[in-house]
Amino acid sequence: MAVTQILFIVGALLFMVLGVAHGAYTWIERTRPFRLTPRNPEVRDAMKGSTLAIHPSTNVWRAWLGFNFSHSLGAVTFGVVYLILTVSDFSVITANLLLLGLPVIVSGIYLVLAIRYWFIIPLVGIALGFGCFMMGALLSL
């Protein structure tokens, strides 16, 4: 197995782990808020009591949980797709500039979001994943 392939595997696994952890935290949040919730319980109660302008049956808390679940799903799917492609036939990725560059672009966007909006744990994991994809892509050119 080539170094470039290992880098892509590690990058994909990092995104899968981050996505699964985020999904697990979100699942727990439904009944026992402890990680992805405002520290002030009054804010959480306000989220539950406030509907979104788009539809009166959707409150901010339910939308918050849904956004977190979909965010988790996106990270897991991204990681799974690149893990499958990398393990099954890495030449498919290296022969196509879009497939080679896409994980660099996507993980780079996640990195910008992490720097701008999130906290240290996802920032470190995403930075490592981005580094793996970037180095793997550069070494594959």
C-alpha atoms as a PDB file:
ATOM      1  CA  MET A   1       0.000   0.000   0.000  1.00  0.00           C
ATOM      2  CA  ALA A   2       1.440   3.364  -1.052  1.00  0.00           C
ATOM      3  CA  VAL A   3       1.981   6.281   1.317  1.00  0.00           C
ATOM      4  CA  THR A   4      -0.532   8.347  -0.654  1.00  0.00           C
ATOM      5  CA  GLN A   5      -3.169   5.673  -0.184  1.00  0.00           C
ATOM      6  CA  ILE A   6      -2.477   5.498   3.561  1.00  0.00           C
ATOM      7  CA  LEU A   7      -2.815   9.283   3.802  1.00  0.00           C
ATOM      8  CA  PHE A   8      -6.226   9.136   2.119  1.00  0.00           C
ATOM      9  CA  ILE A   9      -7.329   6.300   4.413  1.00  0.00           C
ATOM     10  CA  VAL A  10      -6.287   8.245   7.518  1.00  0.00           C
ATOM     11  CA  GLY A  11      -7.998  11.401   6.234  1.00  0.00           C
ATOM     12  CA  ALA A  12     -11.204   9.494   5.526  1.00  0.00           C
ATOM     13  CA  LEU A  13     -11.137   7.748   8.910  1.00  0.00           C
ATOM     14  CA  LEU A  14     -10.677  11.058  10.725  1.00  0.00           C
ATOM     15  CA  PHE A  15     -13.800  12.484   9.107  1.00  0.00           C
ATOM     16  CA  MET A  16     -15.727   9.294   9.836  1.00  0.00           C
ATOM     17  CA  VAL A  17     -14.723   9.358  13.517  1.00  0.00           C
ATOM     18  CA  LEU A  18     -15.585  13.044  13.871  1.00  0.00           C
ATOM     19  CA  GLY A  19     -18.938  12.493  12.169  1.00  0.00           C
ATOM     20  CA  VAL A  20     -19.833   9.465  14.287  1.00  0.00           C
ATOM     21  CA  ALA A  21     -18.852  11.284  17.502  1.00  0.00           C
ATOM     22  CA  HIS A  22     -20.920  14.308  16.481  1.00  0.00           C
ATOM     23  CA  GLY A  23     -23.882  12.053  15.707  1.00  0.00           C
ATOM     24  CA  ALA A  24     -23.540  10.247  19.037  1.00  0.00           C
ATOM     25  CA  TYR A  25     -23.449  13.541  20.943  1.00  0.00           C
ATOM     26  CA  THR A  26     -26.492  14.740  19.004  1.00  0.00           C
ATOM     27  CA  TRP A  27     -28.366  11.497  19.786  1.00  0.00           C
ATOM     28  CA  ILE A  28     -27.705  11.978  23.504  1.00  0.00           C
ATOM     29  CA  GLU A  29     -28.728  15.658  23.282  1.00  0.00           C
ATOM     30  CA  ARG A  30     -32.289  14.633  22.453  1.00  0.00           C
ATOM     31  CA  THR A  31     -32.982  13.495  25.999  1.00  0.00           C
ATOM     32  CA  ARG A  32     -30.000  14.610  28.079  1.00  0.00           C
ATOM     33  CA  PRO A  33     -28.404  17.817  26.825  1.00  0.00           C
ATOM     34  CA  PHE A  34     -24.750  17.861  27.797  1.00  0.00           C
ATOM     35  CA  ARG A  35     -22.397  18.780  24.928  1.00  0.00           C
ATOM     36  CA  LEU A  36     -23.975  20.574  21.984  1.00  0.00           C
ATOM     37  CA  THR A  37     -26.419  22.612  24.019  1.00  0.00           C
ATOM     38  CA  PRO A  38     -26.235  26.144  25.389  1.00  0.00           C
ATOM     39  CA  ARG A  39     -24.836  26.181  28.926  1.00  0.00           C
ATOM     40  CA  ASN A  40     -27.708  28.384  29.985  1.00  0.00           C
ATOM     41  CA  PRO A  41     -30.816  26.151  30.256  1.00  0.00           C
ATOM     42  CA  GLU A  42     -33.039  29.189  29.692  1.00  0.00           C
ATOM     43  CA  VAL A  43     -31.573  29.538  26.197  1.00  0.00           C
ATOM     44  CA  ARG A  44     -32.347  25.882  25.453  1.00  0.00           C
ATOM     45  CA  ASP A  45     -35.895  26.390  26.735  1.00  0.00           C
ATOM     46  CA  ALA A  46     -36.197  29.459  24.523  1.00  0.00           C
ATOM     47  CA  MET A  47     -35.007  27.390  21.553  1.00  0.00           C
ATOM     48  CA  LYS A  48     -37.727  24.837  22.321  1.00  0.00           C
ATOM     49  CA  GLY A  49     -40.346  27.555  22.635  1.00  0.00           C
ATOM     50  CA  SER A  50     -39.436  29.482  19.507  1.00  0.00           C
ATOM     51  CA  THR A  51     -40.627  28.376  16.084  1.00  0.00           C
ATOM     52  CA  LEU A  52     -38.903  29.092  12.813  1.00  0.00           C
ATOM     53  CA  ALA A  53     -40.401  31.572  10.384  1.00  0.00           C
ATOM     54  CA  ILE A  54     -40.371  28.945   7.636  1.00  0.00           C
ATOM     55  CA  HIS A  55     -42.966  26.760   9.420  1.00  0.00           C
ATOM     56  CA  PRO A  56     -44.725  27.067  12.782  1.00  0.00           C
ATOM     57  CA  SER A  57     -44.394  23.369  13.657  1.00  0.00           C
ATOM     58  CA  THR A  58     -40.595  23.473  13.662  1.00  0.00           C
ATOM     59  CA  ASN A  59     -38.980  24.903  16.754  1.00  0.00           C
ATOM     60  CA  VAL A  60     -35.379  26.053  16.945  1.00  0.00           C
ATOM     61  CA  TRP A  61     -34.331  23.141  19.206  1.00  0.00           C
ATOM     62  CA  ARG A  62     -35.654  20.504  16.789  1.00  0.00           C
ATOM     63  CA  ALA A  63     -34.020  22.312  13.875  1.00  0.00           C
ATOM     64  CA  TRP A  64     -30.756  22.482  15.873  1.00  0.00           C
ATOM     65  CA  LEU A  65     -30.838  18.721  16.439  1.00  0.00           C
ATOM     66  CA  GLY A  66     -31.670  18.102  12.765  1.00  0.00           C
ATOM     67  CA  PHE A  67     -28.839  20.340  11.577  1.00  0.00           C
ATOM     68  CA  ASN A  68     -26.422  18.519  13.860  1.00  0.00           C
ATOM     69  CA  PHE A  69     -27.594  15.091  12.655  1.00  0.00           C
ATOM     70  CA  SER A  70     -27.296  16.139   8.999  1.00  0.00           C
ATOM     71  CA  HIS A  71     -23.862  17.642   9.653  1.00  0.00           C
ATOM     72  CA  SER A  72     -22.787  14.346  11.196  1.00  0.00           C
ATOM     73  CA  LEU A  73     -24.197  12.390   8.271  1.00  0.00           C
ATOM     74  CA  GLY A  74     -22.293  14.582   5.821  1.00  0.00           C
ATOM     75  CA  ALA A  75     -18.950  14.024   7.552  1.00  0.00           C
ATOM     76  CA  VAL A  76     -19.520  10.265   7.853  1.00  0.00           C
ATOM     77  CA  THR A  77     -20.635   9.952   4.225  1.00  0.00           C
ATOM     78  CA  PHE A  78     -17.652  11.958   3.006  1.00  0.00           C
ATOM     79  CA  GLY A  79     -15.295   9.703   4.962  1.00  0.00           C
ATOM     80  CA  VAL A  80     -17.007   6.458   3.937  1.00  0.00           C
ATOM     81  CA  VAL A  81     -17.022   7.324   0.224  1.00  0.00           C
ATOM     82  CA  TYR A  82     -13.321   8.170   0.227  1.00  0.00           C
ATOM     83  CA  LEU A  83     -12.448   5.168   2.362  1.00  0.00           C
ATOM     84  CA  ILE A  84     -14.267   2.835  -0.046  1.00  0.00           C
ATOM     85  CA  LEU A  85     -12.715   4.447  -3.123  1.00  0.00           C
ATOM     86  CA  THR A  86      -9.247   4.433  -1.582  1.00  0.00           C
ATOM     87  CA  VAL A  87      -9.340   0.828  -0.405  1.00  0.00           C
ATOM     88  CA  SER A  88     -11.123  -0.677  -3.409  1.00  0.00           C
ATOM     89  CA  ASP A  89      -9.255   1.035  -6.268  1.00  0.00           C
ATOM     90  CA  PHE A  90      -7.090   4.035  -5.436  1.00  0.00           C
ATOM     91  CA  SER A  91      -6.181   4.446  -9.114  1.00  0.00           C
ATOM     92  CA  VAL A  92      -9.756   5.686  -9.706  1.00  0.00           C
ATOM     93  CA  ILE A  93      -8.941   8.661  -7.471  1.00  0.00           C
ATOM     94  CA  THR A  94      -5.454   9.326  -8.811  1.00  0.00           C
ATOM     95  CA  ALA A  95      -6.616   9.127 -12.437  1.00  0.00           C
ATOM     96  CA  ASN A  96      -9.275  11.801 -11.924  1.00  0.00           C
ATOM     97  CA  LEU A  97      -8.288  15.315 -10.826  1.00  0.00           C
ATOM     98  CA  LEU A  98     -11.782  16.007  -9.499  1.00  0.00           C
ATOM     99  CA  LEU A  99     -11.748  12.910  -7.259  1.00  0.00           C
ATOM    100  CA  LEU A 100      -8.195  13.737  -6.218  1.00  0.00           C
ATOM    101  CA  GLY A 101      -8.917  17.385  -5.434  1.00  0.00           C
ATOM    102  CA  LEU A 102     -12.410  17.100  -3.976  1.00  0.00           C
ATOM    103  CA  PRO A 103     -11.355  15.821  -0.537  1.00  0.00           C
ATOM    104  CA  VAL A 104      -8.792  18.632  -0.333  1.00  0.00           C
ATOM    105  CA  ILE A 105     -11.470  21.205  -1.164  1.00  0.00           C
ATOM    106  CA  VAL A 106     -14.150  19.729   1.098  1.00  0.00           C
ATOM    107  CA  SER A 107     -11.813  19.207   4.050  1.00  0.00           C
ATOM    108  CA  GLY A 108     -10.380  22.693   3.439  1.00  0.00           C
ATOM    109  CA  ILE A 109     -13.873  24.182   3.689  1.00  0.00           C
ATOM    110  CA  TYR A 110     -14.485  22.191   6.879  1.00  0.00           C
ATOM    111  CA  LEU A 111     -11.176  23.575   8.195  1.00  0.00           C
ATOM    112  CA  VAL A 112     -12.200  27.171   7.487  1.00  0.00           C
ATOM    113  CA  LEU A 113     -15.531  26.533   9.233  1.00  0.00           C
ATOM    114  CA  ALA A 114     -13.746  24.950  12.209  1.00  0.00           C
ATOM    115  CA  ILE A 115     -11.369  27.907  12.525  1.00  0.00           C
ATOM    116  CA  ARG A 116     -14.198  30.415  12.251  1.00  0.00           C
ATOM    117  CA  TYR A 117     -17.018  28.769  14.203  1.00  0.00           C
ATOM    118  CA  TRP A 118     -16.089  25.630  16.140  1.00  0.00           C
ATOM    119  CA  PHE A 119     -13.792  24.527  18.973  1.00  0.00           C
ATOM    120  CA  ILE A 120     -10.405  22.832  19.291  1.00  0.00           C
ATOM    121  CA  ILE A 121     -11.283  19.107  19.013  1.00  0.00           C
ATOM    122  CA  PRO A 122     -12.937  19.250  15.583  1.00  0.00           C
ATOM    123  CA  LEU A 123     -10.375  21.839  14.506  1.00  0.00           C
ATOM    124  CA  VAL A 124      -7.465  19.497  15.243  1.00  0.00           C
ATOM    125  CA  GLY A 125      -9.157  16.458  13.677  1.00  0.00           C
ATOM    126  CA  ILE A 126     -10.182  18.382  10.573  1.00  0.00           C
ATOM    127  CA  ALA A 127      -6.735  19.968  10.240  1.00  0.00           C
ATOM    128  CA  LEU A 128      -5.130  16.517  10.392  1.00  0.00           C
ATOM    129  CA  GLY A 129      -7.628  15.155   7.842  1.00  0.00           C
ATOM    130  CA  PHE A 130      -7.029  18.120   5.542  1.00  0.00           C
ATOM    131  CA  GLY A 131      -3.272  17.625   5.880  1.00  0.00           C
ATOM    132  CA  CYS A 132      -3.588  13.952   4.971  1.00  0.00           C
ATOM    133  CA  PHE A 133      -5.735  14.664   1.921  1.00  0.00           C
ATOM    134  CA  MET A 134      -3.514  17.570   0.830  1.00  0.00           C
ATOM    135  CA  MET A 135      -0.278  15.599   1.154  1.00  0.00           C
ATOM    136  CA  GLY A 136      -1.833  12.521  -0.472  1.00  0.00           C
ATOM    137  CA  ALA A 137      -3.096  14.580  -3.390  1.00  0.00           C
ATOM    138  CA  LEU A 138       0.194  16.426  -3.882  1.00  0.00           C
ATOM    139  CA  LEU A 139       2.201  13.215  -3.753  1.00  0.00           C
ATOM    140  CA  SER A 140      -0.188  11.624  -6.272  1.00  0.00           C
ATOM    141  CA  LEU A 141       0.334  14.307  -8.934  1.00  0.00           C
END
